[in-house]
Amino acid sequence: SMEKAIGDKVVTYDFARLMEGAKEVKCSAFGQAMIERM
């Protein structure tokens, strides 16, 4: 699920600053994105 969230470019600041076109979210939203992709 983490890989899917990252693949969908829904990431926290640390990843977002390294990726083009990423959607930066808070840690809680990243956790929710992982749950939705399980």
PDB file of N, CA and C in Angstrom:
ATOM      1  N   SER A   1       0.816  -1.201   0.000  1.00  0.00           N
ATOM      2  CA  SER A   1       0.000   0.000   0.000  1.00  0.00           C
ATOM      3  C   SER A   1       0.858   1.264   0.000  1.00  0.00           C
ATOM      4  N   MET A   2       2.015   1.220   0.672  1.00  0.00           N
ATOM      5  CA  MET A   2       2.904   2.386   0.650  1.00  0.00           C
ATOM      6  C   MET A   2       3.426   2.621  -0.759  1.00  0.00           C
ATOM      7  N   GLU A   3       3.800   1.544  -1.424  1.00  0.00           N
ATOM      8  CA  GLU A   3       4.306   1.675  -2.786  1.00  0.00           C
ATOM      9  C   GLU A   3       3.243   2.239  -3.725  1.00  0.00           C
ATOM     10  N   LYS A   4       1.990   1.834  -3.519  1.00  0.00           N
ATOM     11  CA  LYS A   4       0.901   2.338  -4.363  1.00  0.00           C
ATOM     12  C   LYS A   4       0.689   3.825  -4.137  1.00  0.00           C
ATOM     13  N   ALA A   5       0.721   4.257  -2.871  1.00  0.00           N
ATOM     14  CA  ALA A   5       0.541   5.683  -2.565  1.00  0.00           C
ATOM     15  C   ALA A   5       1.670   6.502  -3.185  1.00  0.00           C
ATOM     16  N   ILE A   6       2.896   6.023  -3.046  1.00  0.00           N
ATOM     17  CA  ILE A   6       4.035   6.733  -3.633  1.00  0.00           C
ATOM     18  C   ILE A   6       3.926   6.722  -5.155  1.00  0.00           C
ATOM     19  N   GLY A   7       3.526   5.590  -5.715  1.00  0.00           N
ATOM     20  CA  GLY A   7       3.341   5.494  -7.162  1.00  0.00           C
ATOM     21  C   GLY A   7       2.282   6.454  -7.679  1.00  0.00           C
ATOM     22  N   ASP A   8       1.276   6.701  -6.855  1.00  0.00           N
ATOM     23  CA  ASP A   8       0.220   7.654  -7.212  1.00  0.00           C
ATOM     24  C   ASP A   8       0.630   9.089  -6.898  1.00  0.00           C
ATOM     25  N   LYS A   9       1.850   9.261  -6.407  1.00  0.00           N
ATOM     26  CA  LYS A   9       2.426  10.569  -6.073  1.00  0.00           C
ATOM     27  C   LYS A   9       1.659  11.299  -4.974  1.00  0.00           C
ATOM     28  N   VAL A  10       1.116  10.526  -4.036  1.00  0.00           N
ATOM     29  CA  VAL A  10       0.508  11.085  -2.828  1.00  0.00           C
ATOM     30  C   VAL A  10       1.529  10.829  -1.728  1.00  0.00           C
ATOM     31  N   VAL A  11       2.291  11.871  -1.374  1.00  0.00           N
ATOM     32  CA  VAL A  11       3.455  11.675  -0.513  1.00  0.00           C
ATOM     33  C   VAL A  11       3.607  12.812   0.501  1.00  0.00           C
ATOM     34  N   THR A  12       4.431  12.552   1.514  1.00  0.00           N
ATOM     35  CA  THR A  12       4.762  13.578   2.500  1.00  0.00           C
ATOM     36  C   THR A  12       5.869  14.474   1.945  1.00  0.00           C
ATOM     37  N   TYR A  13       6.150  15.543   2.671  1.00  0.00           N
ATOM     38  CA  TYR A  13       7.101  16.567   2.224  1.00  0.00           C
ATOM     39  C   TYR A  13       8.432  15.977   1.772  1.00  0.00           C
ATOM     40  N   ASP A  14       8.978  15.044   2.545  1.00  0.00           N
ATOM     41  CA  ASP A  14      10.310  14.516   2.234  1.00  0.00           C
ATOM     42  C   ASP A  14      10.377  13.879   0.851  1.00  0.00           C
ATOM     43  N   PHE A  15       9.307  13.205   0.432  1.00  0.00           N
ATOM     44  CA  PHE A  15       9.271  12.650  -0.919  1.00  0.00           C
ATOM     45  C   PHE A  15       8.859  13.702  -1.942  1.00  0.00           C
ATOM     46  N   ALA A  16       7.896  14.543  -1.583  1.00  0.00           N
ATOM     47  CA  ALA A  16       7.350  15.520  -2.532  1.00  0.00           C
ATOM     48  C   ALA A  16       8.425  16.459  -3.063  1.00  0.00           C
ATOM     49  N   ARG A  17       9.380  16.822  -2.221  1.00  0.00           N
ATOM     50  CA  ARG A  17      10.418  17.751  -2.680  1.00  0.00           C
ATOM     51  C   ARG A  17      11.349  17.109  -3.704  1.00  0.00           C
ATOM     52  N   LEU A  18      11.310  15.786  -3.808  1.00  0.00           N
ATOM     53  CA  LEU A  18      12.171  15.070  -4.753  1.00  0.00           C
ATOM     54  C   LEU A  18      11.425  14.597  -6.006  1.00  0.00           C
ATOM     55  N   MET A  19      10.111  14.802  -6.039  1.00  0.00           N
ATOM     56  CA  MET A  19       9.293  14.274  -7.133  1.00  0.00           C
ATOM     57  C   MET A  19       8.578  15.400  -7.870  1.00  0.00           C
ATOM     58  N   GLU A  20       8.523  15.292  -9.187  1.00  0.00           N
ATOM     59  CA  GLU A  20       7.740  16.245  -9.976  1.00  0.00           C
ATOM     60  C   GLU A  20       6.287  15.808  -9.986  1.00  0.00           C
ATOM     61  N   GLY A  21       5.387  16.762  -9.836  1.00  0.00           N
ATOM     62  CA  GLY A  21       3.963  16.482  -9.931  1.00  0.00           C
ATOM     63  C   GLY A  21       3.370  15.762  -8.742  1.00  0.00           C
ATOM     64  N   ALA A  22       4.095  15.731  -7.629  1.00  0.00           N
ATOM     65  CA  ALA A  22       3.595  15.034  -6.446  1.00  0.00           C
ATOM     66  C   ALA A  22       2.589  15.891  -5.693  1.00  0.00           C
ATOM     67  N   LYS A  23       1.651  15.222  -5.028  1.00  0.00           N
ATOM     68  CA  LYS A  23       0.697  15.896  -4.159  1.00  0.00           C
ATOM     69  C   LYS A  23       1.215  15.743  -2.731  1.00  0.00           C
ATOM     70  N   GLU A  24       1.649  16.853  -2.124  1.00  0.00           N
ATOM     71  CA  GLU A  24       2.179  16.810  -0.760  1.00  0.00           C
ATOM     72  C   GLU A  24       1.032  16.772   0.237  1.00  0.00           C
ATOM     73  N   VAL A  25       1.087  15.804   1.156  1.00  0.00           N
ATOM     74  CA  VAL A  25       0.056  15.657   2.181  1.00  0.00           C
ATOM     75  C   VAL A  25       0.713  15.506   3.550  1.00  0.00           C
ATOM     76  N   LYS A  26      -0.069  15.708   4.603  1.00  0.00           N
ATOM     77  CA  LYS A  26       0.412  15.499   5.968  1.00  0.00           C
ATOM     78  C   LYS A  26       0.554  14.006   6.218  1.00  0.00           C
ATOM     79  N   CYS A  27       1.277  13.661   7.275  1.00  0.00           N
ATOM     80  CA  CYS A  27       1.492  12.246   7.604  1.00  0.00           C
ATOM     81  C   CYS A  27       0.171  11.500   7.779  1.00  0.00           C
ATOM     82  N   SER A  28      -0.800  12.142   8.437  1.00  0.00           N
ATOM     83  CA  SER A  28      -2.090  11.477   8.654  1.00  0.00           C
ATOM     84  C   SER A  28      -2.791  11.196   7.326  1.00  0.00           C
ATOM     85  N   ALA A  29      -2.698  12.118   6.387  1.00  0.00           N
ATOM     86  CA  ALA A  29      -3.315  11.915   5.074  1.00  0.00           C
ATOM     87  C   ALA A  29      -2.573  10.841   4.290  1.00  0.00           C
ATOM     88  N   PHE A  30      -1.258  10.763   4.464  1.00  0.00           N
ATOM     89  CA  PHE A  30      -0.493   9.705   3.804  1.00  0.00           C
ATOM     90  C   PHE A  30      -0.909   8.345   4.359  1.00  0.00           C
ATOM     91  N   GLY A  31      -1.086   8.272   5.668  1.00  0.00           N
ATOM     92  CA  GLY A  31      -1.565   7.031   6.284  1.00  0.00           C
ATOM     93  C   GLY A  31      -2.927   6.636   5.743  1.00  0.00           C
ATOM     94  N   GLN A  32      -3.811   7.607   5.602  1.00  0.00           N
ATOM     95  CA  GLN A  32      -5.142   7.338   5.050  1.00  0.00           C
ATOM     96  C   GLN A  32      -5.042   6.872   3.601  1.00  0.00           C
ATOM     97  N   ALA A  33      -4.147   7.479   2.836  1.00  0.00           N
ATOM     98  CA  ALA A  33      -3.950   7.070   1.441  1.00  0.00           C
ATOM     99  C   ALA A  33      -3.474   5.622   1.372  1.00  0.00           C
ATOM    100  N   MET A  34      -2.605   5.219   2.303  1.00  0.00           N
ATOM    101  CA  MET A  34      -2.141   3.830   2.324  1.00  0.00           C
ATOM    102  C   MET A  34      -3.290   2.886   2.662  1.00  0.00           C
ATOM    103  N   ILE A  35      -4.109   3.259   3.644  1.00  0.00           N
ATOM    104  CA  ILE A  35      -5.254   2.420   4.022  1.00  0.00           C
ATOM    105  C   ILE A  35      -6.194   2.241   2.839  1.00  0.00           C
ATOM    106  N   GLU A  36      -6.454   3.320   2.112  1.00  0.00           N
ATOM    107  CA  GLU A  36      -7.351   3.248   0.954  1.00  0.00           C
ATOM    108  C   GLU A  36      -6.803   2.346  -0.146  1.00  0.00           C
ATOM    109  N   ARG A  37      -5.501   2.142  -0.173  1.00  0.00           N
ATOM    110  CA  ARG A  37      -4.876   1.342  -1.231  1.00  0.00           C
ATOM    111  C   ARG A  37      -4.597  -0.095  -0.795  1.00  0.00           C
ATOM    112  N   MET A  38      -5.049  -0.483   0.366  1.00  0.00           N
ATOM    113  CA  MET A  38      -4.843  -1.854   0.859  1.00  0.00           C
ATOM    114  C   MET A  38      -5.835  -2.811   0.228  1.00  0.00           C
TER     115      MET A  38
END
